[in-house]
Amino acid sequence: MSRKHRHDHDDHDEHIERRLARLERKIDALLIGLNILIVEEDEENAAKSAKLTFLDSKGKTLMPATLSVGQTATAQLHEFTGLNGSGSEIPPIGPVTYSSSDDTIATVDASTGLVTAVGPGVATITGLDSGNGLSASDIVSDTPVVAQSATLTLTVN
């Protein structure tokens, strides 16, 4: 390609880019005039991880979630901008639905997350954000989790 032809080609590309930018501004102005909101996904602030917690009737987090038969707790799905629960917590973008791995041990209201212990054993409760597909699970049990190991730290006085 000759130098002049390449220069003409570059000028043509720049002209097209300027026209496209003007058209995009006009379209945005028209949409704003029609009260139409354009939302672009902000990848930096999109949820990348989630965790599930259980709250008792007073709003206290249950860790571990140990419930006697008949007791209730509320499952809550938390989403974060970083991996493994790091970064900032952000609200779920879609409706959250909850499920139980075993309804003979614990039932859960699919929309509210209210968990009710109905029998002895261990059940996994899962929360799923249908807006982005993120989910998290945790267990609810009728018996307290027993420590399997311990550490002792000595501090010099």
N, C-alpha and C. Protein backbone atom coordinates (compact mmCIF):
# COMPACT_ATOMS: atom_id res chain seq x y z
N MET A 1 0.85 -1.17 0.00
CA MET A 1 0.00 0.00 0.00
C MET A 1 0.90 1.23 0.00
N SER A 2 0.59 2.19 -0.86
CA SER A 2 1.42 3.40 -0.94
C SER A 2 1.18 4.27 0.28
N ARG A 3 2.14 5.15 0.52
CA ARG A 3 2.06 6.03 1.68
C ARG A 3 0.82 6.93 1.59
N LYS A 4 0.54 7.49 0.41
CA LYS A 4 -0.62 8.36 0.23
C LYS A 4 -1.91 7.58 0.45
N HIS A 5 -1.99 6.36 -0.10
CA HIS A 5 -3.19 5.53 0.05
C HIS A 5 -3.43 5.18 1.53
N ARG A 6 -2.35 4.85 2.25
CA ARG A 6 -2.46 4.54 3.68
C ARG A 6 -2.96 5.77 4.44
N HIS A 7 -2.44 6.97 4.09
CA HIS A 7 -2.84 8.21 4.76
C HIS A 7 -4.33 8.48 4.51
N ASP A 8 -4.79 8.30 3.26
CA ASP A 8 -6.21 8.49 2.93
C ASP A 8 -7.08 7.50 3.70
N HIS A 9 -6.61 6.25 3.82
CA HIS A 9 -7.35 5.22 4.55
C HIS A 9 -7.48 5.59 6.03
N ASP A 10 -6.38 6.08 6.65
CA ASP A 10 -6.41 6.50 8.06
C ASP A 10 -7.36 7.66 8.26
N ASP A 11 -7.33 8.65 7.34
CA ASP A 11 -8.25 9.79 7.43
C ASP A 11 -9.70 9.33 7.36
N HIS A 12 -9.97 8.36 6.48
CA HIS A 12 -11.33 7.83 6.33
C HIS A 12 -11.78 7.15 7.64
N ASP A 13 -10.93 6.34 8.27
CA ASP A 13 -11.25 5.67 9.52
C ASP A 13 -11.55 6.69 10.63
N GLU A 14 -10.73 7.73 10.72
CA GLU A 14 -10.96 8.77 11.74
C GLU A 14 -12.28 9.48 11.50
N HIS A 15 -12.61 9.75 10.23
CA HIS A 15 -13.87 10.40 9.88
C HIS A 15 -15.05 9.53 10.33
N ILE A 16 -14.98 8.22 10.08
CA ILE A 16 -16.05 7.30 10.48
C ILE A 16 -16.19 7.26 12.00
N GLU A 17 -15.07 7.21 12.71
CA GLU A 17 -15.11 7.18 14.17
C GLU A 17 -15.76 8.44 14.74
N ARG A 18 -15.44 9.61 14.16
CA ARG A 18 -16.04 10.87 14.63
C ARG A 18 -17.55 10.86 14.38
N ARG A 19 -17.96 10.38 13.20
CA ARG A 19 -19.40 10.33 12.89
C ARG A 19 -20.13 9.37 13.83
N LEU A 20 -19.52 8.22 14.13
CA LEU A 20 -20.14 7.27 15.06
C LEU A 20 -20.27 7.88 16.46
N ALA A 21 -19.25 8.59 16.90
CA ALA A 21 -19.31 9.21 18.22
C ALA A 21 -20.43 10.25 18.27
N ARG A 22 -20.60 11.05 17.18
CA ARG A 22 -21.68 12.04 17.14
C ARG A 22 -23.04 11.35 17.16
N LEU A 23 -23.17 10.26 16.40
CA LEU A 23 -24.43 9.52 16.40
C LEU A 23 -24.75 8.94 17.77
N GLU A 24 -23.75 8.39 18.44
CA GLU A 24 -23.97 7.84 19.78
C GLU A 24 -24.44 8.92 20.74
N ARG A 25 -23.85 10.12 20.66
CA ARG A 25 -24.28 11.23 21.54
C ARG A 25 -25.71 11.63 21.23
N LYS A 26 -26.09 11.66 19.94
CA LYS A 26 -27.46 12.01 19.57
C LYS A 26 -28.44 10.95 20.08
N ILE A 27 -28.09 9.68 19.93
CA ILE A 27 -28.97 8.61 20.42
C ILE A 27 -29.13 8.71 21.93
N ASP A 28 -28.03 8.92 22.66
CA ASP A 28 -28.11 9.07 24.11
C ASP A 28 -29.01 10.23 24.48
N ALA A 29 -28.89 11.37 23.77
CA ALA A 29 -29.72 12.54 24.06
C ALA A 29 -31.19 12.22 23.81
N LEU A 30 -31.49 11.51 22.72
CA LEU A 30 -32.87 11.14 22.44
C LEU A 30 -33.44 10.23 23.52
N LEU A 31 -32.65 9.24 23.93
CA LEU A 31 -33.12 8.31 24.96
C LEU A 31 -33.35 9.03 26.29
N ILE A 32 -32.46 9.95 26.63
CA ILE A 32 -32.64 10.72 27.86
C ILE A 32 -33.91 11.55 27.76
N GLY A 33 -34.15 12.16 26.58
CA GLY A 33 -35.36 12.94 26.36
C GLY A 33 -36.62 12.10 26.51
N LEU A 34 -36.52 10.81 26.20
CA LEU A 34 -37.66 9.90 26.33
C LEU A 34 -37.72 9.26 27.71
N ASN A 35 -36.85 9.69 28.62
CA ASN A 35 -36.78 9.13 29.98
C ASN A 35 -36.45 7.65 29.98
N ILE A 36 -35.58 7.23 29.09
CA ILE A 36 -35.12 5.84 29.07
C ILE A 36 -33.73 5.82 29.67
N LEU A 37 -33.54 5.00 30.65
CA LEU A 37 -32.26 4.90 31.33
C LEU A 37 -31.46 3.75 30.75
N ILE A 38 -30.22 4.03 30.41
CA ILE A 38 -29.33 2.98 29.92
C ILE A 38 -28.39 2.62 31.06
N VAL A 39 -28.38 1.35 31.42
CA VAL A 39 -27.51 0.89 32.49
C VAL A 39 -26.47 -0.03 31.88
N GLU A 40 -25.22 0.33 32.08
CA GLU A 40 -24.14 -0.52 31.62
C GLU A 40 -23.55 -1.24 32.82
N GLU A 41 -23.23 -2.51 32.65
CA GLU A 41 -22.67 -3.29 33.74
C GLU A 41 -21.28 -2.77 34.08
N ASP A 42 -21.07 -2.51 35.34
CA ASP A 42 -19.78 -2.05 35.83
C ASP A 42 -19.02 -3.27 36.34
N GLU A 43 -18.17 -3.83 35.50
CA GLU A 43 -17.46 -5.06 35.84
C GLU A 43 -16.67 -4.94 37.14
N GLU A 44 -16.13 -3.74 37.41
CA GLU A 44 -15.31 -3.55 38.60
C GLU A 44 -16.12 -3.75 39.87
N ASN A 45 -17.40 -3.34 39.84
CA ASN A 45 -18.24 -3.43 41.03
C ASN A 45 -19.24 -4.57 40.97
N ALA A 46 -19.09 -5.49 40.02
CA ALA A 46 -19.99 -6.63 39.92
C ALA A 46 -19.66 -7.64 41.01
N ALA A 47 -20.69 -8.34 41.47
CA ALA A 47 -20.48 -9.35 42.50
C ALA A 47 -19.65 -10.49 41.94
N LYS A 48 -18.68 -10.92 42.72
CA LYS A 48 -17.81 -12.02 42.31
C LYS A 48 -17.86 -13.20 43.27
N SER A 49 -18.42 -12.98 44.47
CA SER A 49 -18.53 -14.07 45.43
C SER A 49 -19.72 -13.82 46.34
N ALA A 50 -20.12 -14.87 47.04
CA ALA A 50 -21.27 -14.77 47.95
C ALA A 50 -21.06 -15.68 49.15
N LYS A 51 -21.74 -15.34 50.25
CA LYS A 51 -21.76 -16.23 51.41
C LYS A 51 -23.15 -16.17 52.02
N LEU A 52 -23.49 -17.21 52.74
CA LEU A 52 -24.80 -17.33 53.37
C LEU A 52 -24.62 -17.27 54.88
N THR A 53 -25.45 -16.48 55.54
CA THR A 53 -25.43 -16.44 57.00
C THR A 53 -26.84 -16.71 57.52
N PHE A 54 -26.91 -17.07 58.81
CA PHE A 54 -28.19 -17.29 59.47
C PHE A 54 -28.33 -16.32 60.62
N LEU A 55 -29.52 -15.70 60.73
CA LEU A 55 -29.80 -14.77 61.82
C LEU A 55 -30.91 -15.33 62.69
N ASP A 56 -30.75 -15.16 64.02
CA ASP A 56 -31.84 -15.58 64.91
C ASP A 56 -32.91 -14.49 64.91
N SER A 57 -33.95 -14.68 65.73
CA SER A 57 -35.08 -13.74 65.74
C SER A 57 -34.69 -12.34 66.23
N LYS A 58 -33.54 -12.22 66.89
CA LYS A 58 -33.08 -10.91 67.37
C LYS A 58 -32.08 -10.26 66.42
N GLY A 59 -31.81 -10.93 65.29
CA GLY A 59 -30.87 -10.38 64.30
C GLY A 59 -29.43 -10.73 64.55
N LYS A 60 -29.17 -11.61 65.52
CA LYS A 60 -27.81 -12.03 65.83
C LYS A 60 -27.39 -13.17 64.88
N THR A 61 -26.18 -13.08 64.36
CA THR A 61 -25.67 -14.11 63.46
C THR A 61 -25.40 -15.40 64.24
N LEU A 62 -25.89 -16.49 63.70
CA LEU A 62 -25.68 -17.81 64.32
C LEU A 62 -24.49 -18.48 63.65
N MET A 63 -23.42 -18.69 64.44
CA MET A 63 -22.24 -19.39 63.92
C MET A 63 -21.76 -20.35 64.98
N PRO A 64 -21.89 -21.61 64.83
CA PRO A 64 -22.56 -22.31 63.74
C PRO A 64 -24.08 -22.22 63.90
N ALA A 65 -24.81 -22.58 62.85
CA ALA A 65 -26.27 -22.52 62.88
C ALA A 65 -26.80 -23.81 63.48
N THR A 66 -27.02 -23.77 64.78
CA THR A 66 -27.54 -24.93 65.51
C THR A 66 -28.95 -24.60 65.98
N LEU A 67 -29.93 -25.38 65.52
CA LEU A 67 -31.33 -25.14 65.87
C LEU A 67 -31.95 -26.40 66.44
N SER A 68 -32.71 -26.24 67.51
CA SER A 68 -33.50 -27.36 68.03
C SER A 68 -34.75 -27.47 67.17
N VAL A 69 -35.35 -28.66 67.14
CA VAL A 69 -36.56 -28.87 66.36
C VAL A 69 -37.60 -27.83 66.78
N GLY A 70 -38.17 -27.14 65.78
CA GLY A 70 -39.16 -26.09 66.02
C GLY A 70 -38.58 -24.68 66.00
N GLN A 71 -37.27 -24.56 66.21
CA GLN A 71 -36.66 -23.23 66.17
C GLN A 71 -36.51 -22.75 64.73
N THR A 72 -36.41 -21.42 64.60
CA THR A 72 -36.25 -20.84 63.27
C THR A 72 -35.05 -19.91 63.23
N ALA A 73 -34.60 -19.66 62.02
CA ALA A 73 -33.54 -18.69 61.73
C ALA A 73 -33.81 -18.18 60.33
N THR A 74 -33.23 -17.05 59.98
CA THR A 74 -33.41 -16.50 58.64
C THR A 74 -32.09 -16.54 57.88
N ALA A 75 -32.12 -17.17 56.71
CA ALA A 75 -30.94 -17.23 55.85
C ALA A 75 -30.84 -15.92 55.08
N GLN A 76 -29.61 -15.41 54.93
CA GLN A 76 -29.38 -14.20 54.15
C GLN A 76 -28.20 -14.42 53.23
N LEU A 77 -28.37 -14.06 51.95
CA LEU A 77 -27.30 -14.15 50.98
C LEU A 77 -26.58 -12.81 50.92
N HIS A 78 -25.25 -12.84 51.07
CA HIS A 78 -24.42 -11.64 51.00
C HIS A 78 -23.52 -11.77 49.78
N GLU A 79 -23.38 -10.69 48.99
CA GLU A 79 -22.54 -10.71 47.80
C GLU A 79 -21.43 -9.68 47.94
N PHE A 80 -20.27 -10.01 47.34
CA PHE A 80 -19.08 -9.17 47.48
C PHE A 80 -18.42 -8.92 46.14
N THR A 81 -17.74 -7.78 46.03
CA THR A 81 -17.07 -7.42 44.78
C THR A 81 -15.78 -8.20 44.58
N GLY A 82 -15.25 -8.80 45.63
CA GLY A 82 -14.01 -9.57 45.52
C GLY A 82 -14.28 -11.06 45.65
N LEU A 83 -13.27 -11.84 45.39
CA LEU A 83 -13.39 -13.29 45.51
C LEU A 83 -13.39 -13.71 46.98
N ASN A 84 -14.02 -14.82 47.28
CA ASN A 84 -14.02 -15.41 48.62
C ASN A 84 -14.50 -14.46 49.71
N GLY A 85 -15.51 -13.66 49.41
CA GLY A 85 -16.08 -12.77 50.42
C GLY A 85 -15.24 -11.54 50.71
N SER A 86 -14.33 -11.19 49.80
CA SER A 86 -13.51 -10.00 50.01
C SER A 86 -14.11 -8.83 49.23
N GLY A 87 -13.56 -7.67 49.40
CA GLY A 87 -14.07 -6.48 48.73
C GLY A 87 -15.26 -5.92 49.46
N SER A 88 -16.02 -5.11 48.78
CA SER A 88 -17.19 -4.47 49.37
C SER A 88 -18.41 -5.36 49.23
N GLU A 89 -19.28 -5.31 50.26
CA GLU A 89 -20.54 -6.03 50.17
C GLU A 89 -21.51 -5.20 49.35
N ILE A 90 -22.20 -5.85 48.42
CA ILE A 90 -23.19 -5.18 47.58
C ILE A 90 -24.48 -5.98 47.59
N PRO A 91 -25.61 -5.33 47.34
CA PRO A 91 -26.87 -6.06 47.38
C PRO A 91 -27.02 -7.00 46.18
N PRO A 92 -27.77 -8.10 46.36
CA PRO A 92 -28.04 -8.99 45.23
C PRO A 92 -28.76 -8.21 44.12
N ILE A 93 -28.53 -8.60 42.85
CA ILE A 93 -29.16 -7.86 41.76
C ILE A 93 -30.48 -8.46 41.32
N GLY A 94 -30.72 -9.70 41.67
CA GLY A 94 -31.98 -10.34 41.28
C GLY A 94 -32.69 -10.89 42.49
N PRO A 95 -33.85 -11.45 42.28
CA PRO A 95 -34.52 -12.11 43.41
C PRO A 95 -33.66 -13.27 43.92
N VAL A 96 -33.62 -13.43 45.22
CA VAL A 96 -32.88 -14.53 45.84
C VAL A 96 -33.88 -15.60 46.23
N THR A 97 -33.58 -16.84 45.86
CA THR A 97 -34.41 -17.96 46.27
C THR A 97 -33.58 -18.90 47.13
N TYR A 98 -34.25 -19.50 48.10
CA TYR A 98 -33.58 -20.38 49.06
C TYR A 98 -34.13 -21.79 48.93
N SER A 99 -33.26 -22.77 49.21
CA SER A 99 -33.67 -24.16 49.16
C SER A 99 -32.95 -24.95 50.25
N SER A 100 -33.53 -26.10 50.60
CA SER A 100 -32.96 -27.00 51.61
C SER A 100 -32.60 -28.32 50.94
N SER A 101 -31.48 -28.90 51.38
CA SER A 101 -31.08 -30.19 50.83
C SER A 101 -31.93 -31.34 51.38
N ASP A 102 -32.59 -31.11 52.53
CA ASP A 102 -33.39 -32.17 53.14
C ASP A 102 -34.52 -31.55 53.95
N ASP A 103 -35.73 -31.56 53.37
CA ASP A 103 -36.89 -30.96 54.04
C ASP A 103 -37.36 -31.74 55.26
N THR A 104 -36.82 -32.95 55.50
CA THR A 104 -37.20 -33.69 56.71
C THR A 104 -36.37 -33.21 57.90
N ILE A 105 -35.32 -32.44 57.64
CA ILE A 105 -34.46 -31.90 58.71
C ILE A 105 -34.70 -30.40 58.89
N ALA A 106 -34.72 -29.66 57.78
CA ALA A 106 -34.95 -28.22 57.84
C ALA A 106 -35.68 -27.77 56.59
N THR A 107 -36.76 -27.02 56.79
CA THR A 107 -37.47 -26.44 55.65
C THR A 107 -37.04 -24.98 55.54
N VAL A 108 -37.20 -24.40 54.35
CA VAL A 108 -36.86 -23.00 54.16
C VAL A 108 -37.88 -22.39 53.21
N ASP A 109 -38.36 -21.20 53.57
CA ASP A 109 -39.26 -20.47 52.69
C ASP A 109 -38.42 -19.95 51.52
N ALA A 110 -38.80 -20.29 50.31
CA ALA A 110 -38.00 -19.98 49.13
C ALA A 110 -37.77 -18.49 48.94
N SER A 111 -38.71 -17.64 49.34
CA SER A 111 -38.54 -16.21 49.09
C SER A 111 -38.02 -15.43 50.29
N THR A 112 -38.39 -15.82 51.50
CA THR A 112 -37.95 -15.06 52.69
C THR A 112 -36.69 -15.60 53.33
N GLY A 113 -36.37 -16.88 53.08
CA GLY A 113 -35.21 -17.49 53.70
C GLY A 113 -35.45 -17.97 55.12
N LEU A 114 -36.71 -17.97 55.59
CA LEU A 114 -37.00 -18.43 56.95
C LEU A 114 -36.80 -19.94 57.03
N VAL A 115 -35.84 -20.35 57.87
CA VAL A 115 -35.49 -21.75 58.04
C VAL A 115 -36.15 -22.26 59.31
N THR A 116 -36.77 -23.44 59.22
CA THR A 116 -37.38 -24.07 60.41
C THR A 116 -36.80 -25.47 60.55
N ALA A 117 -36.25 -25.75 61.74
CA ALA A 117 -35.74 -27.10 62.03
C ALA A 117 -36.94 -28.00 62.30
N VAL A 118 -37.07 -29.10 61.53
CA VAL A 118 -38.22 -29.99 61.69
C VAL A 118 -37.83 -31.40 62.11
N GLY A 119 -36.53 -31.71 62.13
CA GLY A 119 -36.10 -33.04 62.52
C GLY A 119 -34.61 -33.04 62.82
N PRO A 120 -34.14 -34.10 63.48
CA PRO A 120 -32.72 -34.17 63.80
C PRO A 120 -31.87 -34.42 62.55
N GLY A 121 -30.64 -33.89 62.58
CA GLY A 121 -29.71 -34.12 61.48
C GLY A 121 -29.09 -32.83 60.98
N VAL A 122 -28.53 -32.91 59.79
CA VAL A 122 -27.85 -31.78 59.16
C VAL A 122 -28.44 -31.56 57.78
N ALA A 123 -28.77 -30.30 57.45
CA ALA A 123 -29.26 -29.95 56.13
C ALA A 123 -28.45 -28.77 55.59
N THR A 124 -28.30 -28.74 54.30
CA THR A 124 -27.61 -27.63 53.64
C THR A 124 -28.66 -26.67 53.09
N ILE A 125 -28.53 -25.40 53.44
CA ILE A 125 -29.42 -24.36 52.94
C ILE A 125 -28.63 -23.58 51.90
N THR A 126 -29.25 -23.34 50.75
CA THR A 126 -28.59 -22.62 49.65
C THR A 126 -29.42 -21.41 49.26
N GLY A 127 -28.72 -20.28 49.04
CA GLY A 127 -29.35 -19.08 48.52
C GLY A 127 -28.81 -18.84 47.12
N LEU A 128 -29.70 -18.52 46.16
CA LEU A 128 -29.31 -18.31 44.77
C LEU A 128 -29.85 -16.96 44.28
N ASP A 129 -28.95 -16.10 43.80
CA ASP A 129 -29.32 -14.83 43.19
C ASP A 129 -29.60 -15.12 41.72
N SER A 130 -30.85 -15.04 41.31
CA SER A 130 -31.20 -15.37 39.93
C SER A 130 -30.73 -14.30 38.94
N GLY A 131 -30.35 -13.13 39.45
CA GLY A 131 -29.88 -12.07 38.57
C GLY A 131 -28.49 -12.31 38.02
N ASN A 132 -27.63 -12.97 38.79
CA ASN A 132 -26.26 -13.19 38.32
C ASN A 132 -25.80 -14.64 38.49
N GLY A 133 -26.65 -15.49 39.07
CA GLY A 133 -26.30 -16.90 39.21
C GLY A 133 -25.40 -17.23 40.38
N LEU A 134 -25.04 -16.22 41.20
CA LEU A 134 -24.20 -16.51 42.36
C LEU A 134 -25.02 -17.24 43.42
N SER A 135 -24.39 -18.20 44.08
CA SER A 135 -25.07 -18.91 45.16
C SER A 135 -24.07 -19.18 46.28
N ALA A 136 -24.62 -19.42 47.45
CA ALA A 136 -23.81 -19.80 48.60
C ALA A 136 -24.64 -20.73 49.46
N SER A 137 -23.97 -21.58 50.20
CA SER A 137 -24.64 -22.55 51.05
C SER A 137 -23.98 -22.58 52.42
N ASP A 138 -24.75 -23.04 53.39
CA ASP A 138 -24.23 -23.28 54.74
C ASP A 138 -25.10 -24.36 55.35
N ILE A 139 -24.60 -24.96 56.41
CA ILE A 139 -25.37 -26.04 57.03
C ILE A 139 -26.10 -25.55 58.26
N VAL A 140 -27.23 -26.20 58.52
CA VAL A 140 -27.97 -26.00 59.75
C VAL A 140 -28.09 -27.39 60.38
N SER A 141 -27.90 -27.43 61.69
CA SER A 141 -27.82 -28.71 62.38
C SER A 141 -28.59 -28.65 63.69
N ASP A 142 -29.00 -29.81 64.18
CA ASP A 142 -29.66 -29.86 65.49
C ASP A 142 -28.66 -30.11 66.61
N THR A 143 -27.41 -30.36 66.26
CA THR A 143 -26.39 -30.59 67.29
C THR A 143 -25.26 -29.59 67.10
N PRO A 144 -24.73 -29.07 68.20
CA PRO A 144 -23.63 -28.11 68.08
C PRO A 144 -22.41 -28.76 67.45
N VAL A 145 -21.68 -27.97 66.69
CA VAL A 145 -20.43 -28.45 66.12
C VAL A 145 -19.42 -28.57 67.24
N VAL A 146 -18.74 -29.71 67.31
CA VAL A 146 -17.75 -29.96 68.36
C VAL A 146 -16.36 -29.73 67.77
N ALA A 147 -15.54 -29.01 68.52
CA ALA A 147 -14.18 -28.74 68.05
C ALA A 147 -13.41 -30.05 67.91
N GLN A 148 -12.63 -30.15 66.86
CA GLN A 148 -11.82 -31.32 66.60
C GLN A 148 -10.35 -31.10 66.96
N SER A 149 -9.97 -29.84 67.15
CA SER A 149 -8.60 -29.53 67.52
C SER A 149 -8.59 -28.19 68.25
N ALA A 150 -7.46 -27.91 68.89
CA ALA A 150 -7.32 -26.65 69.61
C ALA A 150 -5.86 -26.22 69.57
N THR A 151 -5.63 -24.94 69.76
CA THR A 151 -4.26 -24.42 69.85
C THR A 151 -4.13 -23.61 71.12
N LEU A 152 -2.93 -23.55 71.62
CA LEU A 152 -2.63 -22.78 72.83
C LEU A 152 -1.52 -21.81 72.47
N THR A 153 -1.74 -20.54 72.79
CA THR A 153 -0.74 -19.52 72.52
C THR A 153 -0.22 -18.99 73.86
N LEU A 154 1.10 -19.01 74.05
CA LEU A 154 1.71 -18.49 75.25
C LEU A 154 2.22 -17.07 74.97
N THR A 155 1.89 -16.14 75.89
CA THR A 155 2.31 -14.76 75.74
C THR A 155 3.20 -14.41 76.90
N VAL A 156 4.34 -13.81 76.61
CA VAL A 156 5.29 -13.41 77.64
C VAL A 156 4.72 -12.22 78.39
N ASN A 157 4.79 -12.27 79.75
CA ASN A 157 4.29 -11.16 80.56
C ASN A 157 5.28 -10.03 80.59
